[in-house]
N, C-alpha and C. Protein backbone atom coordinates (compact mmCIF):
# COMPACT_ATOMS: atom_id res chain seq x y z
N UNK A 1 1.64 13.54 -17.32
CA UNK A 1 2.78 13.33 -16.49
C UNK A 1 2.87 11.80 -15.93
N UNK A 2 2.18 11.08 -15.92
CA UNK A 2 1.62 10.29 -15.52
C UNK A 2 1.99 8.82 -16.37
N UNK A 3 1.50 9.09 -17.70
CA UNK A 3 1.75 8.42 -19.18
C UNK A 3 3.31 8.31 -18.89
N UNK A 4 3.97 9.89 -18.48
CA UNK A 4 5.24 9.35 -19.11
C UNK A 4 6.15 8.68 -18.05
N UNK A 5 5.92 9.17 -17.01
CA UNK A 5 6.54 8.21 -15.60
C UNK A 5 6.24 6.79 -15.96
N UNK A 6 4.82 6.25 -17.09
CA UNK A 6 4.60 4.67 -16.56
C UNK A 6 5.73 4.39 -17.82
N UNK A 7 5.87 5.04 -18.88
CA UNK A 7 6.54 4.88 -19.80
C UNK A 7 8.10 4.63 -19.97
N UNK A 8 8.54 5.18 -19.34
CA UNK A 8 10.21 5.38 -18.77
C UNK A 8 9.77 3.89 -17.77
N UNK A 9 9.28 3.39 -17.21
CA UNK A 9 9.57 2.43 -15.79
C UNK A 9 8.82 1.63 -16.95
N UNK A 10 7.51 0.65 -18.05
CA UNK A 10 8.06 -0.14 -19.11
C UNK A 10 9.27 -0.03 -19.34
N UNK A 11 9.62 0.76 -20.27
CA UNK A 11 10.90 0.20 -20.88
C UNK A 11 12.43 0.76 -20.84
N UNK A 12 12.13 0.99 -19.21
CA UNK A 12 13.40 -0.30 -18.57
C UNK A 12 13.17 -1.68 -18.34
N UNK A 13 12.05 -0.96 -17.15
CA UNK A 13 11.64 -3.12 -17.06
C UNK A 13 12.16 -3.80 -18.78
N UNK A 14 11.65 -3.24 -19.50
CA UNK A 14 11.65 -4.36 -20.88
C UNK A 14 13.34 -4.64 -21.62
N UNK A 15 14.21 -3.53 -21.17
CA UNK A 15 15.13 -3.82 -22.09
C UNK A 15 15.93 -4.46 -20.92
N UNK A 16 15.89 -4.12 -18.98
CA UNK A 16 16.42 -4.72 -18.63
C UNK A 16 16.17 -6.56 -18.64
N UNK A 17 15.35 -6.76 -18.75
CA UNK A 17 14.57 -7.90 -18.60
C UNK A 17 14.97 -8.61 -20.60
N UNK A 18 15.72 -8.49 -21.50
CA UNK A 18 15.36 -8.17 -22.38
C UNK A 18 16.95 -9.10 -22.55
N UNK A 19 17.68 -8.10 -21.62
CA UNK A 19 19.04 -7.01 -21.93
C UNK A 19 20.28 -8.60 -21.00
N UNK A 20 19.28 -8.46 -19.85
CA UNK A 20 19.87 -9.90 -18.53
C UNK A 20 19.29 -11.43 -18.79
N UNK A 21 18.38 -11.75 -19.85
CA UNK A 21 17.94 -13.22 -20.72
C UNK A 21 18.68 -13.28 -21.77
N UNK A 22 19.53 -12.34 -22.61
CA UNK A 22 19.53 -12.15 -24.02
C UNK A 22 21.80 -13.24 -23.28
N UNK A 23 21.52 -11.99 -22.62
CA UNK A 23 23.08 -12.05 -22.18
C UNK A 23 23.69 -13.81 -21.92
N UNK A 24 22.28 -14.45 -21.42
CA UNK A 24 22.47 -15.77 -20.91
C UNK A 24 23.59 -17.15 -22.56
N UNK A 25 23.22 -16.24 -23.51
CA UNK A 25 23.32 -17.53 -24.47
C UNK A 25 23.85 -16.19 -25.26
N UNK A 26 24.50 -15.15 -25.68
CA UNK A 26 24.33 -14.65 -26.04
C UNK A 26 25.54 -13.58 -25.90
N UNK A 27 27.08 -13.71 -26.84
CA UNK A 27 28.43 -12.83 -26.62
C UNK A 27 27.96 -10.93 -26.55
N UNK A 28 28.77 -9.79 -25.88
CA UNK A 28 28.61 -8.97 -25.86
C UNK A 28 28.38 -7.75 -27.03
N UNK A 29 29.31 -8.45 -28.10
CA UNK A 29 28.94 -8.51 -29.17
C UNK A 29 27.44 -8.66 -30.58
N UNK A 30 27.84 -9.64 -29.60
CA UNK A 30 25.42 -10.35 -30.62
C UNK A 30 25.20 -9.74 -29.61
N UNK A 31 24.94 -9.51 -28.89
CA UNK A 31 23.86 -8.75 -28.27
C UNK A 31 23.76 -7.54 -28.04
N UNK A 32 25.52 -6.89 -28.82
CA UNK A 32 24.74 -5.69 -28.76
C UNK A 32 24.07 -5.30 -30.81
N UNK A 33 24.72 -6.37 -30.91
CA UNK A 33 23.84 -6.57 -32.16
C UNK A 33 22.05 -6.06 -32.27
N UNK A 34 21.84 -7.66 -31.91
CA UNK A 34 20.59 -7.37 -32.43
C UNK A 34 19.82 -6.53 -31.49
N UNK A 35 20.13 -6.24 -30.66
CA UNK A 35 20.36 -4.83 -29.49
C UNK A 35 20.31 -3.06 -30.59
N UNK A 36 21.00 -3.50 -31.13
CA UNK A 36 20.86 -2.45 -32.33
C UNK A 36 19.90 -2.20 -33.49
N UNK A 37 19.20 -3.78 -33.58
CA UNK A 37 18.72 -3.39 -34.88
C UNK A 37 18.79 -5.18 -34.46
N UNK A 38 16.34 -5.08 -34.60
CA UNK A 38 16.63 -6.08 -34.47
C UNK A 38 15.61 -7.19 -35.78
N UNK A 39 16.33 -6.86 -36.70
CA UNK A 39 16.56 -6.69 -38.25
C UNK A 39 18.16 -7.98 -38.14
N UNK A 40 18.96 -7.97 -37.00
CA UNK A 40 19.89 -8.42 -36.99
C UNK A 40 19.69 -9.74 -36.14
N UNK A 41 18.23 -10.31 -36.03
CA UNK A 41 18.13 -11.75 -35.47
C UNK A 41 18.75 -13.30 -37.16
N UNK A 42 18.82 -12.18 -38.02
CA UNK A 42 18.93 -13.03 -39.08
C UNK A 42 20.02 -14.33 -39.62
N UNK A 43 21.08 -12.72 -38.82
CA UNK A 43 22.75 -13.49 -38.69
C UNK A 43 22.77 -15.19 -37.76
N UNK A 44 21.45 -15.18 -36.65
CA UNK A 44 22.44 -16.03 -36.06
C UNK A 44 21.13 -17.53 -36.30
N UNK A 45 21.15 -18.87 -35.80
CA UNK A 45 20.87 -20.09 -36.34
C UNK A 45 19.49 -19.64 -35.68
N UNK A 46 19.17 -20.87 -36.83
CA UNK A 46 17.46 -21.18 -36.54
C UNK A 46 16.69 -21.14 -34.49
N UNK A 47 17.94 -22.43 -34.62
CA UNK A 47 17.50 -22.11 -32.85
C UNK A 47 17.61 -21.09 -31.92
N UNK A 48 18.28 -20.50 -32.61
CA UNK A 48 19.24 -18.81 -31.68
C UNK A 48 17.98 -18.14 -31.93
N UNK A 49 17.61 -18.25 -32.82
CA UNK A 49 16.36 -17.12 -33.10
C UNK A 49 15.08 -17.84 -32.90
N UNK A 50 14.57 -18.66 -33.17
CA UNK A 50 13.75 -19.06 -31.63
C UNK A 50 13.37 -18.76 -30.36
N UNK A 51 14.77 -18.76 -29.72
CA UNK A 51 14.27 -18.59 -28.45
C UNK A 51 15.25 -16.67 -28.44
N UNK A 52 15.83 -16.32 -28.59
CA UNK A 52 15.42 -14.58 -28.77
C UNK A 52 14.48 -13.86 -29.37
N UNK A 53 13.43 -14.54 -30.21
CA UNK A 53 12.08 -14.58 -30.44
C UNK A 53 11.13 -14.79 -28.79
N UNK A 54 11.45 -15.33 -28.13
CA UNK A 54 11.06 -16.28 -27.28
C UNK A 54 11.11 -15.10 -25.78
N UNK A 55 12.23 -14.23 -25.61
CA UNK A 55 12.97 -13.39 -25.18
C UNK A 55 11.93 -12.55 -24.92
N UNK A 56 11.59 -11.67 -26.52
CA UNK A 56 10.97 -11.07 -27.06
C UNK A 56 9.51 -10.95 -26.66
N UNK A 57 9.63 -11.23 -27.05
CA UNK A 57 8.08 -11.97 -26.16
C UNK A 57 7.69 -11.91 -25.20
N UNK A 58 8.42 -12.42 -24.23
CA UNK A 58 8.39 -12.52 -23.18
C UNK A 58 8.56 -11.21 -21.91
N UNK A 59 9.55 -10.63 -23.29
CA UNK A 59 9.77 -8.80 -22.28
C UNK A 59 8.16 -7.95 -23.04
N UNK A 60 8.00 -8.36 -23.92
CA UNK A 60 6.75 -7.77 -24.44
C UNK A 60 5.61 -7.61 -23.20
N UNK A 61 5.14 -9.15 -23.70
CA UNK A 61 3.81 -9.76 -22.20
C UNK A 61 4.28 -9.24 -20.50
N UNK A 62 5.95 -8.95 -20.30
CA UNK A 62 6.29 -8.39 -19.00
C UNK A 62 5.57 -6.46 -19.02
N UNK A 63 6.11 -5.97 -20.10
CA UNK A 63 5.86 -4.86 -20.26
C UNK A 63 3.65 -4.73 -20.22
N UNK A 64 3.82 -5.47 -20.76
CA UNK A 64 2.16 -5.56 -20.83
C UNK A 64 1.62 -5.88 -19.11
N UNK A 65 1.32 -6.71 -18.71
CA UNK A 65 1.68 -7.14 -17.08
C UNK A 65 1.99 -5.81 -16.21
N UNK A 66 2.46 -4.86 -16.52
CA UNK A 66 3.04 -3.59 -15.63
C UNK A 66 1.92 -2.51 -16.16
N UNK A 67 1.59 -2.92 -17.39
CA UNK A 67 0.73 -1.47 -17.67
C UNK A 67 -0.86 -2.10 -16.91
N UNK A 68 -1.38 -2.99 -16.48
CA UNK A 68 -2.21 -3.59 -16.27
C UNK A 68 -1.95 -3.25 -14.95
N UNK A 69 -1.07 -3.49 -13.97
CA UNK A 69 -0.74 -2.50 -12.76
C UNK A 69 -0.78 -1.72 -12.40
N UNK A 70 -0.69 -0.98 -13.44
CA UNK A 70 -0.86 0.88 -13.70
C UNK A 70 -2.64 0.82 -13.61
N UNK A 71 -2.87 0.32 -14.46
CA UNK A 71 -4.44 1.25 -14.75
C UNK A 71 -5.63 0.41 -13.91
N UNK A 72 -5.17 -0.80 -12.75
CA UNK A 72 -5.52 -1.56 -12.18
C UNK A 72 -5.28 -0.71 -11.38
N UNK A 73 -3.61 0.66 -10.80
CA UNK A 73 -4.28 1.88 -9.36
C UNK A 73 -4.74 3.16 -10.01
N UNK A 74 -5.30 3.32 -11.02
CA UNK A 74 -6.42 3.98 -11.26
C UNK A 74 -7.16 3.78 -10.51
N UNK A 75 -7.84 2.95 -11.25
CA UNK A 75 -9.62 2.24 -10.01
C UNK A 75 -9.68 2.66 -9.44
N UNK A 76 -8.94 2.77 -7.81
CA UNK A 76 -9.43 2.86 -6.79
C UNK A 76 -9.16 4.66 -6.60
N UNK A 77 -8.32 5.76 -7.33
CA UNK A 77 -7.56 6.54 -6.79
C UNK A 77 -8.88 7.78 -7.66
N UNK A 78 -9.83 7.13 -8.87
CA UNK A 78 -10.57 7.59 -9.72
C UNK A 78 -11.86 6.95 -8.71
N UNK A 79 -12.10 6.14 -7.71
CA UNK A 79 -13.76 6.54 -7.33
C UNK A 79 -13.02 7.24 -6.25
N UNK A 80 -11.96 7.34 -5.69
CA UNK A 80 -11.66 8.10 -4.56
C UNK A 80 -12.19 9.46 -4.99
N UNK A 81 -12.72 10.42 -5.72
CA UNK A 81 -12.05 11.17 -6.80
C UNK A 81 -14.10 11.62 -7.19
N UNK A 82 -14.49 11.00 -7.00
CA UNK A 82 -16.34 11.28 -7.37
C UNK A 82 -16.42 11.75 -6.52
N UNK A 83 -17.92 12.84 -6.42
CA UNK A 83 -18.46 13.63 -6.23
C UNK A 83 -19.70 13.81 -6.28
N UNK A 84 -20.52 13.85 -4.66
CA UNK A 84 -21.85 13.92 -5.30
C UNK A 84 -22.08 14.98 -6.03
N UNK A 85 -22.17 16.40 -6.05
CA UNK A 85 -22.08 16.86 -6.88
C UNK A 85 -20.71 17.45 -7.90
N UNK A 86 -21.01 17.48 -9.27
CA UNK A 86 -20.16 16.93 -9.81
C UNK A 86 -19.98 19.06 -10.01
N UNK A 87 -18.56 19.25 -10.62
CA UNK A 87 -17.94 20.47 -11.19
C UNK A 87 -18.56 20.59 -12.19
N UNK A 88 -19.18 21.07 -12.82
CA UNK A 88 -19.66 21.18 -14.32
C UNK A 88 -19.21 22.37 -14.62
N UNK A 89 -18.31 22.70 -15.85
CA UNK A 89 -17.93 24.09 -16.78
C UNK A 89 -18.72 24.62 -17.91
């Protein structure tokens, strides 16, 4: 269940980041095209392609920073579950 919640948070952050940053220089129609398929990047000029790729890369990095935070948060909880006499099944 925790993985599903983490995936939902990461996906929401990714989409929000991409929409926010792409909407600064793309029209609503262009934004819809690029969000429908990344292959549509080729309809844009070279300069815009570079900016779009940088934004997608930034969103990807944001996802991994969030996942690193989730992984770091699991360390204290794992330590708190430690027992001297482990349960053996």
